[in-house]
Amino acid sequence: LGAHTDLALAFAGQNDPARAETALRKALECDADYQPAYSLLGLIFNSQNRFAESERILREGLRRAPSAWTPTQLALAYYGLQDYARAEQEYLKTLELNPTPPADLYARFADVYLATRAYPQAYAQMQAYVRAAPEGRFAAAIKERMKQIEASGALLQPRSNNSVEPAGP
C-alpha cells in the first residue's frame, strides 16, 4: 500500500495525474479501507476540476474511515460543484478539528462566502488570513479585496441568517 501511495506521490510530483490515479486505485484494490488513497485521489481530482468524482471518492473514504478524516478536500469539491452550503459545513468541520489551520484555509473559506455574497463572513475569514499570514501568497490580493468590501458598504448590510445561499445573477 505504501509503495503504491509513494508511487502516486512521485507521479503527482511529475505532474502525471493519470499515473498517480492508477497507482492509488491499485492501493485501493489491495485494501479498500486505505484512507490515504481516498484523500490523495480527492486531491488529484480537485486539482483537475473533476469535482463530482472527487466528492464521490472522498465520501467513500469518509464512509470507510470517519475517524481519520480531514474535510478540507471535500470542501474544495463542494465549492467546485457550487454547493456552497456543504462547502461551508466542511470548512467549519476543518476549523473544529484544527483551531490553527494553515492560513490558506481562511482564503478558501472566504471564497465560499464571496461566492454567496456573504460579505461580513467573507471579510472575517480574510481578516483571519491576514492575521495568520500577513505576507502570505494571497495577502496582497486579500487586503485589496477587503478595501473593496469596506468601500462598497457591504459590511453595513448584515445577512438575516448565517446559512450560505447561492449568489444571484
Protein backbone atom coordinates (compact mmCIF):
# COMPACT_ATOMS: atom_id res chain seq x y z
CA LEU A 1 0.00 0.00 0.00
CA GLY A 2 2.72 2.41 0.96
CA ALA A 3 4.59 1.65 -2.26
CA HIS A 4 1.54 2.45 -4.39
CA THR A 5 0.98 5.65 -2.44
CA ASP A 6 4.64 6.66 -2.73
CA LEU A 7 4.50 5.94 -6.45
CA ALA A 8 1.35 8.06 -6.75
CA LEU A 9 3.06 10.93 -4.94
CA ALA A 10 6.03 10.65 -7.29
CA PHE A 11 3.74 10.72 -10.34
CA ALA A 12 1.81 13.66 -8.92
CA GLY A 13 5.12 15.47 -8.35
CA GLN A 14 5.95 14.86 -12.01
CA ASN A 15 2.59 16.35 -12.99
CA ASP A 16 1.31 12.97 -14.19
CA PRO A 17 -2.11 12.72 -12.53
CA ALA A 18 -3.28 9.80 -14.69
CA ARG A 19 -0.49 7.53 -13.49
CA ALA A 20 -0.92 8.80 -9.91
CA GLU A 21 -4.60 7.91 -10.10
CA THR A 22 -3.77 4.42 -11.40
CA ALA A 23 -1.33 3.82 -8.52
CA LEU A 24 -3.90 4.96 -5.96
CA ARG A 25 -6.61 2.77 -7.43
CA LYS A 26 -4.18 -0.17 -7.16
CA ALA A 27 -3.69 0.69 -3.48
CA LEU A 28 -7.46 0.61 -3.01
CA GLU A 29 -7.66 -2.76 -4.78
CA CYS A 30 -5.21 -4.08 -2.18
CA ASP A 31 -7.08 -2.50 0.74
CA ALA A 32 -10.41 -0.78 0.15
CA ASP A 33 -10.18 0.80 3.63
CA TYR A 34 -6.84 2.55 2.98
CA GLN A 35 -7.89 6.13 3.76
CA PRO A 36 -4.77 7.96 2.44
CA ALA A 37 -5.55 6.73 -1.08
CA TYR A 38 -9.02 8.29 -0.92
CA SER A 39 -7.61 11.62 0.26
CA LEU A 40 -4.94 11.69 -2.42
CA LEU A 41 -7.41 10.74 -5.15
CA GLY A 42 -9.68 13.55 -3.97
CA LEU A 43 -6.77 15.96 -4.13
CA ILE A 44 -5.89 14.85 -7.66
CA PHE A 45 -9.49 15.06 -8.84
CA ASN A 46 -9.92 18.51 -7.29
CA SER A 47 -6.75 19.74 -8.98
CA GLN A 48 -8.20 18.60 -12.31
CA ASN A 49 -11.63 20.16 -11.66
CA ARG A 50 -13.17 16.68 -11.53
CA PHE A 51 -15.28 17.72 -8.59
CA ALA A 52 -18.07 15.16 -8.88
CA GLU A 53 -15.53 12.31 -8.95
CA SER A 54 -13.70 13.92 -6.05
CA GLU A 55 -16.86 14.14 -3.98
CA ARG A 56 -17.70 10.50 -4.73
CA ILE A 57 -14.26 9.14 -3.78
CA LEU A 58 -13.92 11.37 -0.72
CA ARG A 59 -17.36 10.41 0.60
CA GLU A 60 -16.41 6.75 0.16
CA GLY A 61 -13.22 7.38 2.14
CA LEU A 62 -15.25 9.14 4.81
CA ARG A 63 -17.69 6.23 4.98
CA ARG A 64 -14.85 3.74 5.42
CA ALA A 65 -12.72 5.73 7.89
CA PRO A 66 -14.69 8.53 9.54
CA SER A 67 -12.28 8.95 12.45
CA ALA A 68 -9.29 9.51 10.13
CA TRP A 69 -11.00 12.18 8.09
CA THR A 70 -9.95 15.71 7.23
CA PRO A 71 -12.76 17.58 5.47
CA THR A 72 -10.76 20.18 3.51
CA GLN A 73 -10.65 18.29 0.20
CA LEU A 74 -14.37 17.56 0.41
CA ALA A 75 -14.99 21.29 0.97
CA LEU A 76 -13.00 22.03 -2.19
CA ALA A 77 -15.06 19.51 -4.15
CA TYR A 78 -18.31 21.05 -2.93
CA TYR A 79 -17.03 24.52 -3.78
CA GLY A 80 -16.17 23.32 -7.28
CA LEU A 81 -19.68 21.90 -7.58
CA GLN A 82 -21.05 25.27 -6.41
CA ASP A 83 -22.63 23.60 -3.40
CA TYR A 84 -21.61 26.42 -1.10
CA ALA A 85 -23.67 25.38 1.91
CA ARG A 86 -21.96 22.00 2.05
CA ALA A 87 -18.56 23.60 1.41
CA GLU A 88 -19.20 25.92 4.34
CA GLN A 89 -20.07 22.97 6.59
CA GLU A 90 -16.90 21.11 5.63
CA TYR A 91 -14.75 24.19 6.28
CA LEU A 92 -16.44 24.62 9.66
CA LYS A 93 -15.59 20.97 10.44
CA THR A 94 -11.99 21.64 9.42
CA LEU A 95 -11.79 24.57 11.82
CA GLU A 96 -13.38 22.45 14.53
CA LEU A 97 -10.75 19.74 14.06
CA ASN A 98 -7.86 22.17 13.75
CA PRO A 99 -8.24 25.52 15.53
CA THR A 100 -4.95 26.72 13.98
CA PRO A 101 -5.25 25.62 10.35
CA PRO A 102 -2.96 26.70 7.52
CA ALA A 103 -3.69 30.30 6.52
CA ASP A 104 -4.79 29.27 3.03
CA LEU A 105 -7.87 27.64 4.58
CA TYR A 106 -9.17 31.08 5.55
CA ALA A 107 -8.71 32.31 1.98
CA ARG A 108 -10.65 29.35 0.59
CA PHE A 109 -13.34 29.78 3.21
CA ALA A 110 -13.61 33.46 2.25
CA ASP A 111 -14.14 32.36 -1.36
CA VAL A 112 -17.25 30.41 -0.28
CA TYR A 113 -18.70 33.50 1.34
CA LEU A 114 -17.74 35.76 -1.55
CA ALA A 115 -19.47 33.39 -3.99
CA THR A 116 -22.66 33.78 -1.97
CA ARG A 117 -22.23 37.49 -1.33
CA ALA A 118 -21.97 36.94 2.41
CA TYR A 119 -19.54 39.83 2.70
CA PRO A 120 -19.30 40.17 6.50
CA GLN A 121 -18.45 36.46 6.81
CA ALA A 122 -16.00 36.67 3.88
CA TYR A 123 -14.38 39.71 5.45
CA ALA A 124 -13.97 37.89 8.77
CA GLN A 125 -12.22 34.98 7.01
CA MET A 126 -9.99 37.44 5.15
CA GLN A 127 -9.06 39.09 8.43
CA ALA A 128 -8.17 35.66 9.83
CA TYR A 129 -5.96 35.02 6.78
CA VAL A 130 -4.14 38.35 7.15
CA ARG A 131 -3.59 37.70 10.88
CA ALA A 132 -2.23 34.22 10.15
CA ALA A 133 -0.11 35.18 7.12
CA PRO A 134 0.35 38.94 6.80
CA GLU A 135 2.85 38.41 3.97
CA GLY A 136 1.33 35.17 2.64
CA ARG A 137 0.85 34.37 -1.02
CA PHE A 138 -2.72 35.72 -1.05
CA ALA A 139 -2.12 38.62 1.37
CA ALA A 140 -1.88 41.44 -1.15
CA ALA A 141 -4.97 40.34 -3.10
CA ILE A 142 -6.95 39.74 0.08
CA LYS A 143 -6.03 43.14 1.52
CA GLU A 144 -7.14 44.77 -1.73
CA ARG A 145 -10.43 42.83 -1.71
CA MET A 146 -11.02 43.84 1.92
CA LYS A 147 -10.66 47.51 0.91
CA GLN A 148 -13.19 46.98 -1.89
CA ILE A 149 -15.66 45.40 0.51
CA GLU A 150 -15.18 48.25 3.01
CA ALA A 151 -15.69 50.87 0.30
CA SER A 152 -18.82 49.14 -1.04
CA GLY A 153 -20.65 49.41 2.28
CA ALA A 154 -21.38 45.67 2.19
CA LEU A 155 -20.23 45.30 5.80
CA LEU A 156 -23.07 47.58 6.90
CA GLN A 157 -25.69 45.22 5.48
CA PRO A 158 -25.76 42.12 7.73
CA ARG A 159 -27.41 38.98 6.43
CA SER A 160 -30.65 37.89 8.05
CA ASN A 161 -29.28 34.39 8.82
CA ASN A 162 -25.97 32.57 8.97
CA SER A 163 -26.61 30.00 6.26
CA VAL A 164 -24.91 30.26 2.93
CA GLU A 165 -27.14 30.95 -0.03
CA PRO A 166 -26.15 30.91 -3.69
CA ALA A 167 -25.35 34.27 -5.20
CA GLY A 168 -27.87 35.55 -7.66
CA PRO A 169 -27.05 36.87 -11.12
